[in-house]
Amino acid sequence: MAEGERPRPLLRLVQEGRLDLLRDELRPDDVLGPAVRSQRYGRSGDTLLHHAARYGHRDVLAYLVEALEMDVEVFNSDYKRPLHEAASMGHGECVSYLLERGASVDCLKKADW
C-alpha cells in the first residue's frame, strides 16, 4: 500500500481469503457491483481478481467470477492477468480454475514483448 493510503477492507478480505465476510460485503445484486468489478488497487492497477489469484484463494476467485461476473481476462497496467499471478505464485488450483473459466494461455504481459 502506498504511503498515506488507508486500508481497503474489500482488498484485505480478498487477500486474507475471507470469503465468509466478502459475501456479506459484496452481493451480486449490490448496486456497487460495477464499481467493484472495475476498481483498481495500487500502482499496477490490480483488481480483486488479481489479488485472489496471487494469494491462492480459489474459493474467492470462484465467487468473484461466478457471483460477481468478474472477467478472468482482466489485465493490469503491466498487462498481467489473474492467470499470471496464480501461475507465478505456484497456485495450481487457481491456475486450473482460471483455465476452466476461459483464461487464455497465450496472453503476454508487458515484459514479454
PDB file of N, CA and C in Angstrom:
ATOM      1  N   MET A   1       0.846  -1.175   0.000  1.00  0.00           N
ATOM      2  CA  MET A   1       0.000   0.000   0.000  1.00  0.00           C
ATOM      3  C   MET A   1       0.894   1.240   0.000  1.00  0.00           C
ATOM      4  N   ALA A   2       0.537   2.213  -0.802  1.00  0.00           N
ATOM      5  CA  ALA A   2       1.320   3.446  -0.904  1.00  0.00           C
ATOM      6  C   ALA A   2       1.199   4.256   0.388  1.00  0.00           C
ATOM      7  N   GLU A   3       2.210   5.031   0.653  1.00  0.00           N
ATOM      8  CA  GLU A   3       2.207   5.845   1.855  1.00  0.00           C
ATOM      9  C   GLU A   3       1.026   6.804   1.858  1.00  0.00           C
ATOM     10  N   GLY A   4       0.353   6.894   2.986  1.00  0.00           N
ATOM     11  CA  GLY A   4      -0.768   7.794   3.119  1.00  0.00           C
ATOM     12  C   GLY A   4      -2.114   7.182   2.750  1.00  0.00           C
ATOM     13  N   GLU A   5      -2.112   5.994   2.148  1.00  0.00           N
ATOM     14  CA  GLU A   5      -3.367   5.349   1.796  1.00  0.00           C
ATOM     15  C   GLU A   5      -3.960   4.661   3.020  1.00  0.00           C
ATOM     16  N   ARG A   6      -5.282   4.668   3.108  1.00  0.00           N
ATOM     17  CA  ARG A   6      -5.963   3.953   4.180  1.00  0.00           C
ATOM     18  C   ARG A   6      -6.175   2.506   3.749  1.00  0.00           C
ATOM     19  N   PRO A   7      -6.277   1.588   4.713  1.00  0.00           N
ATOM     20  CA  PRO A   7      -6.543   0.191   4.360  1.00  0.00           C
ATOM     21  C   PRO A   7      -7.866   0.064   3.613  1.00  0.00           C
ATOM     22  N   ARG A   8      -7.899  -0.840   2.689  1.00  0.00           N
ATOM     23  CA  ARG A   8      -9.111  -1.066   1.906  1.00  0.00           C
ATOM     24  C   ARG A   8      -9.735  -2.371   2.373  1.00  0.00           C
ATOM     25  N   PRO A   9     -10.880  -2.313   3.036  1.00  0.00           N
ATOM     26  CA  PRO A   9     -11.473  -3.524   3.602  1.00  0.00           C
ATOM     27  C   PRO A   9     -11.710  -4.641   2.584  1.00  0.00           C
ATOM     28  N   LEU A  10     -12.250  -4.339   1.419  1.00  0.00           N
ATOM     29  CA  LEU A  10     -12.504  -5.395   0.441  1.00  0.00           C
ATOM     30  C   LEU A  10     -11.210  -6.068   0.011  1.00  0.00           C
ATOM     31  N   LEU A  11     -10.206  -5.271  -0.240  1.00  0.00           N
ATOM     32  CA  LEU A  11      -8.919  -5.807  -0.645  1.00  0.00           C
ATOM     33  C   LEU A  11      -8.352  -6.713   0.446  1.00  0.00           C
ATOM     34  N   ARG A  12      -8.429  -6.286   1.665  1.00  0.00           N
ATOM     35  CA  ARG A  12      -7.922  -7.085   2.782  1.00  0.00           C
ATOM     36  C   ARG A  12      -8.683  -8.410   2.898  1.00  0.00           C
ATOM     37  N   LEU A  13      -9.997  -8.375   2.739  1.00  0.00           N
ATOM     38  CA  LEU A  13     -10.788  -9.602   2.812  1.00  0.00           C
ATOM     39  C   LEU A  13     -10.377 -10.581   1.722  1.00  0.00           C
ATOM     40  N   VAL A  14     -10.122 -10.070   0.534  1.00  0.00           N
ATOM     41  CA  VAL A  14      -9.690 -10.925  -0.575  1.00  0.00           C
ATOM     42  C   VAL A  14      -8.307 -11.498  -0.279  1.00  0.00           C
ATOM     43  N   GLN A  15      -7.385 -10.660   0.144  1.00  0.00           N
ATOM     44  CA  GLN A  15      -6.022 -11.114   0.422  1.00  0.00           C
ATOM     45  C   GLN A  15      -5.984 -12.165   1.526  1.00  0.00           C
ATOM     46  N   GLU A  16      -6.865 -12.041   2.497  1.00  0.00           N
ATOM     47  CA  GLU A  16      -6.899 -12.986   3.610  1.00  0.00           C
ATOM     48  C   GLU A  16      -7.779 -14.200   3.319  1.00  0.00           C
ATOM     49  N   GLY A  17      -8.447 -14.190   2.169  1.00  0.00           N
ATOM     50  CA  GLY A  17      -9.291 -15.320   1.813  1.00  0.00           C
ATOM     51  C   GLY A  17     -10.552 -15.424   2.645  1.00  0.00           C
ATOM     52  N   ARG A  18     -11.062 -14.312   3.116  1.00  0.00           N
ATOM     53  CA  ARG A  18     -12.242 -14.293   3.993  1.00  0.00           C
ATOM     54  C   ARG A  18     -13.534 -14.267   3.183  1.00  0.00           C
ATOM     55  N   LEU A  19     -13.804 -15.376   2.517  1.00  0.00           N
ATOM     56  CA  LEU A  19     -14.993 -15.473   1.671  1.00  0.00           C
ATOM     57  C   LEU A  19     -16.266 -15.254   2.470  1.00  0.00           C
ATOM     58  N   ASP A  20     -16.309 -15.738   3.696  1.00  0.00           N
ATOM     59  CA  ASP A  20     -17.490 -15.560   4.535  1.00  0.00           C
ATOM     60  C   ASP A  20     -17.847 -14.082   4.704  1.00  0.00           C
ATOM     61  N   LEU A  21     -16.855 -13.259   4.983  1.00  0.00           N
ATOM     62  CA  LEU A  21     -17.090 -11.822   5.161  1.00  0.00           C
ATOM     63  C   LEU A  21     -17.251 -11.105   3.826  1.00  0.00           C
ATOM     64  N   LEU A  22     -16.529 -11.576   2.825  1.00  0.00           N
ATOM     65  CA  LEU A  22     -16.628 -10.974   1.496  1.00  0.00           C
ATOM     66  C   LEU A  22     -18.045 -11.109   0.948  1.00  0.00           C
ATOM     67  N   ARG A  23     -18.662 -12.267   1.160  1.00  0.00           N
ATOM     68  CA  ARG A  23     -20.048 -12.467   0.714  1.00  0.00           C
ATOM     69  C   ARG A  23     -20.997 -11.470   1.368  1.00  0.00           C
ATOM     70  N   ASP A  24     -20.729 -11.125   2.633  1.00  0.00           N
ATOM     71  CA  ASP A  24     -21.560 -10.137   3.328  1.00  0.00           C
ATOM     72  C   ASP A  24     -21.376  -8.739   2.748  1.00  0.00           C
ATOM     73  N   GLU A  25     -20.159  -8.429   2.323  1.00  0.00           N
ATOM     74  CA  GLU A  25     -19.846  -7.104   1.809  1.00  0.00           C
ATOM     75  C   GLU A  25     -20.195  -6.925   0.335  1.00  0.00           C
ATOM     76  N   LEU A  26     -20.053  -7.991  -0.444  1.00  0.00           N
ATOM     77  CA  LEU A  26     -20.270  -7.922  -1.892  1.00  0.00           C
ATOM     78  C   LEU A  26     -21.332  -8.928  -2.316  1.00  0.00           C
ATOM     79  N   ARG A  27     -22.480  -8.451  -2.583  1.00  0.00           N
ATOM     80  CA  ARG A  27     -23.562  -9.314  -3.049  1.00  0.00           C
ATOM     81  C   ARG A  27     -23.768  -9.079  -4.546  1.00  0.00           C
ATOM     82  N   PRO A  28     -24.132 -10.141  -5.284  1.00  0.00           N
ATOM     83  CA  PRO A  28     -24.319  -9.998  -6.733  1.00  0.00           C
ATOM     84  C   PRO A  28     -25.313  -8.907  -7.133  1.00  0.00           C
ATOM     85  N   ASP A  29     -26.324  -8.659  -6.306  1.00  0.00           N
ATOM     86  CA  ASP A  29     -27.343  -7.661  -6.646  1.00  0.00           C
ATOM     87  C   ASP A  29     -27.015  -6.264  -6.113  1.00  0.00           C
ATOM     88  N   ASP A  30     -25.835  -6.093  -5.543  1.00  0.00           N
ATOM     89  CA  ASP A  30     -25.424  -4.820  -4.967  1.00  0.00           C
ATOM     90  C   ASP A  30     -25.238  -3.774  -6.073  1.00  0.00           C
ATOM     91  N   VAL A  31     -25.710  -2.577  -5.832  1.00  0.00           N
ATOM     92  CA  VAL A  31     -25.567  -1.508  -6.819  1.00  0.00           C
ATOM     93  C   VAL A  31     -24.104  -1.110  -7.023  1.00  0.00           C
ATOM     94  N   LEU A  32     -23.241  -1.464  -6.098  1.00  0.00           N
ATOM     95  CA  LEU A  32     -21.816  -1.154  -6.241  1.00  0.00           C
ATOM     96  C   LEU A  32     -21.087  -2.175  -7.110  1.00  0.00           C
ATOM     97  N   GLY A  33     -21.765  -3.213  -7.539  1.00  0.00           N
ATOM     98  CA  GLY A  33     -21.147  -4.276  -8.323  1.00  0.00           C
ATOM     99  C   GLY A  33     -20.276  -3.795  -9.461  1.00  0.00           C
ATOM    100  N   PRO A  34     -20.795  -2.960 -10.366  1.00  0.00           N
ATOM    101  CA  PRO A  34     -19.958  -2.490 -11.480  1.00  0.00           C
ATOM    102  C   PRO A  34     -18.717  -1.727 -11.010  1.00  0.00           C
ATOM    103  N   ALA A  35     -18.860  -0.932  -9.977  1.00  0.00           N
ATOM    104  CA  ALA A  35     -17.705  -0.182  -9.466  1.00  0.00           C
ATOM    105  C   ALA A  35     -16.667  -1.118  -8.866  1.00  0.00           C
ATOM    106  N   VAL A  36     -17.120  -2.138  -8.165  1.00  0.00           N
ATOM    107  CA  VAL A  36     -16.203  -3.097  -7.553  1.00  0.00           C
ATOM    108  C   VAL A  36     -15.485  -3.902  -8.628  1.00  0.00           C
ATOM    109  N   ARG A  37     -16.204  -4.296  -9.662  1.00  0.00           N
ATOM    110  CA  ARG A  37     -15.586  -5.073 -10.743  1.00  0.00           C
ATOM    111  C   ARG A  37     -14.488  -4.290 -11.455  1.00  0.00           C
ATOM    112  N   SER A  38     -14.621  -2.989 -11.531  1.00  0.00           N
ATOM    113  CA  SER A  38     -13.631  -2.190 -12.258  1.00  0.00           C
ATOM    114  C   SER A  38     -12.618  -1.499 -11.343  1.00  0.00           C
ATOM    115  N   GLN A  39     -12.764  -1.639 -10.021  1.00  0.00           N
ATOM    116  CA  GLN A  39     -11.853  -0.988  -9.070  1.00  0.00           C
ATOM    117  C   GLN A  39     -10.427  -1.510  -9.228  1.00  0.00           C
ATOM    118  N   ARG A  40      -9.475  -0.592  -9.253  1.00  0.00           N
ATOM    119  CA  ARG A  40      -8.054  -0.926  -9.379  1.00  0.00           C
ATOM    120  C   ARG A  40      -7.338  -0.517  -8.100  1.00  0.00           C
ATOM    121  N   TYR A  41      -6.317  -1.303  -7.722  1.00  0.00           N
ATOM    122  CA  TYR A  41      -5.578  -1.064  -6.490  1.00  0.00           C
ATOM    123  C   TYR A  41      -4.089  -0.932  -6.787  1.00  0.00           C
ATOM    124  N   GLY A  42      -3.462   0.044  -6.148  1.00  0.00           N
ATOM    125  CA  GLY A  42      -2.015   0.217  -6.259  1.00  0.00           C
ATOM    126  C   GLY A  42      -1.568   0.762  -7.600  1.00  0.00           C
ATOM    127  N   ARG A  43      -0.274   0.903  -7.736  1.00  0.00           N
ATOM    128  CA  ARG A  43       0.312   1.463  -8.959  1.00  0.00           C
ATOM    129  C   ARG A  43       0.118   0.571 -10.171  1.00  0.00           C
ATOM    130  N   SER A  44       0.085  -0.736  -9.945  1.00  0.00           N
ATOM    131  CA  SER A  44      -0.033  -1.650 -11.083  1.00  0.00           C
ATOM    132  C   SER A  44      -1.480  -1.831 -11.538  1.00  0.00           C
ATOM    133  N   GLY A  45      -2.424  -1.305 -10.774  1.00  0.00           N
ATOM    134  CA  GLY A  45      -3.815  -1.382 -11.188  1.00  0.00           C
ATOM    135  C   GLY A  45      -4.417  -2.771 -11.101  1.00  0.00           C
ATOM    136  N   ASP A  46      -4.030  -3.523 -10.077  1.00  0.00           N
ATOM    137  CA  ASP A  46      -4.597  -4.859  -9.901  1.00  0.00           C
ATOM    138  C   ASP A  46      -6.049  -4.779  -9.445  1.00  0.00           C
ATOM    139  N   THR A  47      -6.820  -5.772  -9.854  1.00  0.00           N
ATOM    140  CA  THR A  47      -8.203  -5.894  -9.411  1.00  0.00           C
ATOM    141  C   THR A  47      -8.273  -6.885  -8.248  1.00  0.00           C
ATOM    142  N   LEU A  48      -9.448  -7.016  -7.670  1.00  0.00           N
ATOM    143  CA  LEU A  48      -9.633  -8.014  -6.619  1.00  0.00           C
ATOM    144  C   LEU A  48      -9.313  -9.412  -7.136  1.00  0.00           C
ATOM    145  N   LEU A  49      -9.611  -9.653  -8.410  1.00  0.00           N
ATOM    146  CA  LEU A  49      -9.331 -10.956  -9.012  1.00  0.00           C
ATOM    147  C   LEU A  49      -7.828 -11.235  -9.057  1.00  0.00           C
ATOM    148  N   HIS A  50      -7.030 -10.234  -9.377  1.00  0.00           N
ATOM    149  CA  HIS A  50      -5.570 -10.390  -9.358  1.00  0.00           C
ATOM    150  C   HIS A  50      -5.097 -10.795  -7.958  1.00  0.00           C
ATOM    151  N   HIS A  51      -5.635 -10.124  -6.954  1.00  0.00           N
ATOM    152  CA  HIS A  51      -5.211 -10.398  -5.579  1.00  0.00           C
ATOM    153  C   HIS A  51      -5.644 -11.789  -5.125  1.00  0.00           C
ATOM    154  N   ALA A  52      -6.843 -12.198  -5.456  1.00  0.00           N
ATOM    155  CA  ALA A  52      -7.297 -13.541  -5.080  1.00  0.00           C
ATOM    156  C   ALA A  52      -6.402 -14.595  -5.720  1.00  0.00           C
ATOM    157  N   ALA A  53      -6.033 -14.390  -6.975  1.00  0.00           N
ATOM    158  CA  ALA A  53      -5.159 -15.335  -7.675  1.00  0.00           C
ATOM    159  C   ALA A  53      -3.758 -15.333  -7.064  1.00  0.00           C
ATOM    160  N   ARG A  54      -3.228 -14.158  -6.765  1.00  0.00           N
ATOM    161  CA  ARG A  54      -1.877 -14.039  -6.195  1.00  0.00           C
ATOM    162  C   ARG A  54      -1.767 -14.739  -4.847  1.00  0.00           C
ATOM    163  N   TYR A  55      -2.821 -14.634  -4.041  1.00  0.00           N
ATOM    164  CA  TYR A  55      -2.785 -15.229  -2.707  1.00  0.00           C
ATOM    165  C   TYR A  55      -3.314 -16.666  -2.679  1.00  0.00           C
ATOM    166  N   GLY A  56      -3.757 -17.175  -3.817  1.00  0.00           N
ATOM    167  CA  GLY A  56      -4.143 -18.576  -3.908  1.00  0.00           C
ATOM    168  C   GLY A  56      -5.489 -18.931  -3.322  1.00  0.00           C
ATOM    169  N   HIS A  57      -6.409 -17.999  -3.331  1.00  0.00           N
ATOM    170  CA  HIS A  57      -7.735 -18.248  -2.763  1.00  0.00           C
ATOM    171  C   HIS A  57      -8.723 -18.633  -3.870  1.00  0.00           C
ATOM    172  N   ARG A  58      -8.739 -19.916  -4.191  1.00  0.00           N
ATOM    173  CA  ARG A  58      -9.588 -20.407  -5.273  1.00  0.00           C
ATOM    174  C   ARG A  58     -11.068 -20.147  -5.001  1.00  0.00           C
ATOM    175  N   ASP A  59     -11.500 -20.309  -3.759  1.00  0.00           N
ATOM    176  CA  ASP A  59     -12.904 -20.085  -3.429  1.00  0.00           C
ATOM    177  C   ASP A  59     -13.298 -18.622  -3.629  1.00  0.00           C
ATOM    178  N   VAL A  60     -12.396 -17.717  -3.317  1.00  0.00           N
ATOM    179  CA  VAL A  60     -12.654 -16.288  -3.535  1.00  0.00           C
ATOM    180  C   VAL A  60     -12.676 -15.996  -5.036  1.00  0.00           C
ATOM    181  N   LEU A  61     -11.743 -16.590  -5.772  1.00  0.00           N
ATOM    182  CA  LEU A  61     -11.741 -16.445  -7.234  1.00  0.00           C
ATOM    183  C   LEU A  61     -13.096 -16.867  -7.803  1.00  0.00           C
ATOM    184  N   ALA A  62     -13.561 -18.036  -7.378  1.00  0.00           N
ATOM    185  CA  ALA A  62     -14.825 -18.565  -7.889  1.00  0.00           C
ATOM    186  C   ALA A  62     -15.976 -17.619  -7.582  1.00  0.00           C
ATOM    187  N   TYR A  63     -15.996 -17.061  -6.387  1.00  0.00           N
ATOM    188  CA  TYR A  63     -17.063 -16.131  -6.027  1.00  0.00           C
ATOM    189  C   TYR A  63     -17.006 -14.874  -6.898  1.00  0.00           C
ATOM    190  N   LEU A  64     -15.824 -14.327  -7.068  1.00  0.00           N
ATOM    191  CA  LEU A  64     -15.681 -13.107  -7.866  1.00  0.00           C
ATOM    192  C   LEU A  64     -16.077 -13.343  -9.321  1.00  0.00           C
ATOM    193  N   VAL A  65     -15.725 -14.496  -9.853  1.00  0.00           N
ATOM    194  CA  VAL A  65     -16.021 -14.798 -11.258  1.00  0.00           C
ATOM    195  C   VAL A  65     -17.479 -15.212 -11.446  1.00  0.00           C
ATOM    196  N   GLU A  66     -17.954 -16.118 -10.621  1.00  0.00           N
ATOM    197  CA  GLU A  66     -19.287 -16.680 -10.825  1.00  0.00           C
ATOM    198  C   GLU A  66     -20.406 -15.792 -10.284  1.00  0.00           C
ATOM    199  N   ALA A  67     -20.253 -15.281  -9.089  1.00  0.00           N
ATOM    200  CA  ALA A  67     -21.323 -14.480  -8.488  1.00  0.00           C
ATOM    201  C   ALA A  67     -21.271 -13.020  -8.935  1.00  0.00           C
ATOM    202  N   LEU A  68     -20.064 -12.474  -9.032  1.00  0.00           N
ATOM    203  CA  LEU A  68     -19.929 -11.051  -9.376  1.00  0.00           C
ATOM    204  C   LEU A  68     -19.602 -10.822 -10.840  1.00  0.00           C
ATOM    205  N   GLU A  69     -19.437 -11.912 -11.577  1.00  0.00           N
ATOM    206  CA  GLU A  69     -19.209 -11.860 -13.021  1.00  0.00           C
ATOM    207  C   GLU A  69     -17.974 -11.048 -13.408  1.00  0.00           C
ATOM    208  N   MET A  70     -16.904 -11.208 -12.631  1.00  0.00           N
ATOM    209  CA  MET A  70     -15.648 -10.548 -12.989  1.00  0.00           C
ATOM    210  C   MET A  70     -15.007 -11.326 -14.133  1.00  0.00           C
ATOM    211  N   ASP A  71     -14.336 -10.616 -15.000  1.00  0.00           N
ATOM    212  CA  ASP A  71     -13.735 -11.164 -16.213  1.00  0.00           C
ATOM    213  C   ASP A  71     -12.364 -11.775 -15.909  1.00  0.00           C
ATOM    214  N   VAL A  72     -12.184 -13.064 -16.214  1.00  0.00           N
ATOM    215  CA  VAL A  72     -10.902 -13.728 -15.944  1.00  0.00           C
ATOM    216  C   VAL A  72      -9.780 -13.178 -16.816  1.00  0.00           C
ATOM    217  N   GLU A  73     -10.115 -12.435 -17.843  1.00  0.00           N
ATOM    218  CA  GLU A  73      -9.105 -11.877 -18.752  1.00  0.00           C
ATOM    219  C   GLU A  73      -8.764 -10.415 -18.442  1.00  0.00           C
ATOM    220  N   VAL A  74      -9.222  -9.901 -17.313  1.00  0.00           N
ATOM    221  CA  VAL A  74      -8.920  -8.525 -16.940  1.00  0.00           C
ATOM    222  C   VAL A  74      -7.405  -8.392 -16.767  1.00  0.00           C
ATOM    223  N   PHE A  75      -6.842  -7.263 -17.187  1.00  0.00           N
ATOM    224  CA  PHE A  75      -5.394  -7.081 -17.042  1.00  0.00           C
ATOM    225  C   PHE A  75      -5.097  -5.768 -16.331  1.00  0.00           C
ATOM    226  N   ASN A  76      -3.903  -5.720 -15.733  1.00  0.00           N
ATOM    227  CA  ASN A  76      -3.481  -4.518 -15.022  1.00  0.00           C
ATOM    228  C   ASN A  76      -2.614  -3.646 -15.941  1.00  0.00           C
ATOM    229  N   SER A  77      -1.950  -2.656 -15.380  1.00  0.00           N
ATOM    230  CA  SER A  77      -1.162  -1.735 -16.213  1.00  0.00           C
ATOM    231  C   SER A  77       0.058  -2.396 -16.848  1.00  0.00           C
ATOM    232  N   ASP A  78       0.467  -3.551 -16.343  1.00  0.00           N
ATOM    233  CA  ASP A  78       1.568  -4.316 -16.938  1.00  0.00           C
ATOM    234  C   ASP A  78       1.035  -5.433 -17.843  1.00  0.00           C
ATOM    235  N   TYR A  79      -0.248  -5.399 -18.105  1.00  0.00           N
ATOM    236  CA  TYR A  79      -0.945  -6.408 -18.914  1.00  0.00           C
ATOM    237  C   TYR A  79      -0.917  -7.801 -18.283  1.00  0.00           C
ATOM    238  N   LYS A  80      -0.695  -7.849 -16.975  1.00  0.00           N
ATOM    239  CA  LYS A  80      -0.766  -9.120 -16.261  1.00  0.00           C
ATOM    240  C   LYS A  80      -2.231  -9.445 -15.999  1.00  0.00           C
ATOM    241  N   ARG A  81      -2.560 -10.695 -16.203  1.00  0.00           N
ATOM    242  CA  ARG A  81      -3.892 -11.184 -15.926  1.00  0.00           C
ATOM    243  C   ARG A  81      -3.852 -12.025 -14.650  1.00  0.00           C
ATOM    244  N   PRO A  82      -5.000 -12.321 -14.073  1.00  0.00           N
ATOM    245  CA  PRO A  82      -5.011 -13.174 -12.878  1.00  0.00           C
ATOM    246  C   PRO A  82      -4.258 -14.490 -13.088  1.00  0.00           C
ATOM    247  N   LEU A  83      -4.302 -15.041 -14.293  1.00  0.00           N
ATOM    248  CA  LEU A  83      -3.580 -16.275 -14.583  1.00  0.00           C
ATOM    249  C   LEU A  83      -2.076 -16.103 -14.352  1.00  0.00           C
ATOM    250  N   HIS A  84      -1.513 -14.967 -14.744  1.00  0.00           N
ATOM    251  CA  HIS A  84      -0.093 -14.694 -14.495  1.00  0.00           C
ATOM    252  C   HIS A  84       0.193 -14.737 -12.995  1.00  0.00           C
ATOM    253  N   GLU A  85      -0.670 -14.101 -12.230  1.00  0.00           N
ATOM    254  CA  GLU A  85      -0.468 -14.031 -10.778  1.00  0.00           C
ATOM    255  C   GLU A  85      -0.507 -15.421 -10.147  1.00  0.00           C
ATOM    256  N   ALA A  86      -1.523 -16.195 -10.480  1.00  0.00           N
ATOM    257  CA  ALA A  86      -1.668 -17.534  -9.901  1.00  0.00           C
ATOM    258  C   ALA A  86      -0.488 -18.428 -10.284  1.00  0.00           C
ATOM    259  N   ALA A  87      -0.097 -18.389 -11.551  1.00  0.00           N
ATOM    260  CA  ALA A  87       0.990 -19.243 -12.025  1.00  0.00           C
ATOM    261  C   ALA A  87       2.327 -18.841 -11.405  1.00  0.00           C
ATOM    262  N   SER A  88       2.601 -17.540 -11.337  1.00  0.00           N
ATOM    263  CA  SER A  88       3.891 -17.090 -10.806  1.00  0.00           C
ATOM    264  C   SER A  88       4.047 -17.400  -9.321  1.00  0.00           C
ATOM    265  N   MET A  89       2.926 -17.550  -8.625  1.00  0.00           N
ATOM    266  CA  MET A  89       2.981 -17.862  -7.198  1.00  0.00           C
ATOM    267  C   MET A  89       2.811 -19.355  -6.924  1.00  0.00           C
ATOM    268  N   GLY A  90       2.644 -20.146  -7.975  1.00  0.00           N
ATOM    269  CA  GLY A  90       2.548 -21.597  -7.810  1.00  0.00           C
ATOM    270  C   GLY A  90       1.219 -22.097  -7.284  1.00  0.00           C
ATOM    271  N   HIS A  91       0.148 -21.377  -7.549  1.00  0.00           N
ATOM    272  CA  HIS A  91      -1.175 -21.767  -7.069  1.00  0.00           C
ATOM    273  C   HIS A  91      -1.902 -22.565  -8.152  1.00  0.00           C
ATOM    274  N   GLY A  92      -1.590 -23.865  -8.220  1.00  0.00           N
ATOM    275  CA  GLY A  92      -2.119 -24.747  -9.253  1.00  0.00           C
ATOM    276  C   GLY A  92      -3.627 -24.818  -9.316  1.00  0.00           C
ATOM    277  N   GLU A  93      -4.294 -24.822  -8.149  1.00  0.00           N
ATOM    278  CA  GLU A  93      -5.757 -24.881  -8.150  1.00  0.00           C
ATOM    279  C   GLU A  93      -6.352 -23.633  -8.787  1.00  0.00           C
ATOM    280  N   CYS A  94      -5.748 -22.501  -8.522  1.00  0.00           N
ATOM    281  CA  CYS A  94      -6.235 -21.244  -9.108  1.00  0.00           C
ATOM    282  C   CYS A  94      -5.971 -21.224 -10.612  1.00  0.00           C
ATOM    283  N   VAL A  95      -4.804 -21.700 -11.019  1.00  0.00           N
ATOM    284  CA  VAL A  95      -4.482 -21.768 -12.444  1.00  0.00           C
ATOM    285  C   VAL A  95      -5.511 -22.645 -13.152  1.00  0.00           C
ATOM    286  N   SER A  96      -5.766 -23.833 -12.610  1.00  0.00           N
ATOM    287  CA  SER A  96      -6.736 -24.755 -13.213  1.00  0.00           C
ATOM    288  C   SER A  96      -8.118 -24.120 -13.305  1.00  0.00           C
ATOM    289  N   TYR A  97      -8.533 -23.464 -12.224  1.00  0.00           N
ATOM    290  CA  TYR A  97      -9.851 -22.825 -12.219  1.00  0.00           C
ATOM    291  C   TYR A  97      -9.933 -21.754 -13.306  1.00  0.00           C
ATOM    292  N   LEU A  98      -8.934 -20.890 -13.380  1.00  0.00           N
ATOM    293  CA  LEU A  98      -8.957 -19.811 -14.367  1.00  0.00           C
ATOM    294  C   LEU A  98      -8.976 -20.361 -15.793  1.00  0.00           C
ATOM    295  N   LEU A  99      -8.223 -21.420 -16.030  1.00  0.00           N
ATOM    296  CA  LEU A  99      -8.233 -22.041 -17.357  1.00  0.00           C
ATOM    297  C   LEU A  99      -9.602 -22.641 -17.677  1.00  0.00           C
ATOM    298  N   GLU A 100     -10.211 -23.284 -16.685  1.00  0.00           N
ATOM    299  CA  GLU A 100     -11.560 -23.839 -16.878  1.00  0.00           C
ATOM    300  C   GLU A 100     -12.571 -22.746 -17.208  1.00  0.00           C
ATOM    301  N   ARG A 101     -12.353 -21.566 -16.668  1.00  0.00           N
ATOM    302  CA  ARG A 101     -13.279 -20.448 -16.875  1.00  0.00           C
ATOM    303  C   ARG A 101     -12.934 -19.627 -18.118  1.00  0.00           C
ATOM    304  N   GLY A 102     -11.953 -20.079 -18.896  1.00  0.00           N
ATOM    305  CA  GLY A 102     -11.684 -19.431 -20.173  1.00  0.00           C
ATOM    306  C   GLY A 102     -10.473 -18.529 -20.252  1.00  0.00           C
ATOM    307  N   ALA A 103      -9.631 -18.524 -19.228  1.00  0.00           N
ATOM    308  CA  ALA A 103      -8.419 -17.702 -19.293  1.00  0.00           C
ATOM    309  C   ALA A 103      -7.529 -18.204 -20.426  1.00  0.00           C
ATOM    310  N   SER A 104      -6.941 -17.277 -21.147  1.00  0.00           N
ATOM    311  CA  SER A 104      -6.099 -17.607 -22.291  1.00  0.00           C
ATOM    312  C   SER A 104      -4.684 -17.953 -21.848  1.00  0.00           C
ATOM    313  N   VAL A 105      -4.146 -19.024 -22.407  1.00  0.00           N
ATOM    314  CA  VAL A 105      -2.761 -19.391 -22.112  1.00  0.00           C
ATOM    315  C   VAL A 105      -1.797 -18.622 -23.011  1.00  0.00           C
ATOM    316  N   ASP A 106      -2.315 -17.909 -23.988  1.00  0.00           N
ATOM    317  CA  ASP A 106      -1.483 -17.168 -24.938  1.00  0.00           C
ATOM    318  C   ASP A 106      -1.322 -15.691 -24.580  1.00  0.00           C
ATOM    319  N   CYS A 107      -1.692 -15.312 -23.367  1.00  0.00           N
ATOM    320  CA  CYS A 107      -1.623 -13.901 -23.003  1.00  0.00           C
ATOM    321  C   CYS A 107      -0.199 -13.514 -22.619  1.00  0.00           C
ATOM    322  N   LEU A 108       0.207 -12.337 -23.042  1.00  0.00           N
ATOM    323  CA  LEU A 108       1.535 -11.812 -22.734  1.00  0.00           C
ATOM    324  C   LEU A 108       1.419 -10.644 -21.772  1.00  0.00           C
ATOM    325  N   LYS A 109       2.384 -10.529 -20.886  1.00  0.00           N
ATOM    326  CA  LYS A 109       2.459  -9.353 -20.033  1.00  0.00           C
ATOM    327  C   LYS A 109       3.469  -8.386 -20.641  1.00  0.00           C
ATOM    328  N   LYS A 110       3.517  -7.186 -20.145  1.00  0.00           N
ATOM    329  CA  LYS A 110       4.334  -6.127 -20.731  1.00  0.00           C
ATOM    330  C   LYS A 110       5.797  -6.546 -20.927  1.00  0.00           C
ATOM    331  N   ALA A 111       6.386  -7.219 -19.960  1.00  0.00           N
ATOM    332  CA  ALA A 111       7.797  -7.593 -20.038  1.00  0.00           C
ATOM    333  C   ALA A 111       8.070  -8.669 -21.093  1.00  0.00           C
ATOM    334  N   ASP A 112       7.033  -9.319 -21.612  1.00  0.00           N
ATOM    335  CA  ASP A 112       7.211 -10.386 -22.595  1.00  0.00           C
ATOM    336  C   ASP A 112       7.268  -9.868 -24.029  1.00  0.00           C
ATOM    337  N   TRP A 113       7.084  -8.581 -24.246  1.00  0.00           N
ATOM    338  CA  TRP A 113       7.041  -8.062 -25.609  1.00  0.00           C
ATOM    339  C   TRP A 113       8.404  -7.950 -26.195  1.00  0.00           C
TER     340      TRP A 113
END
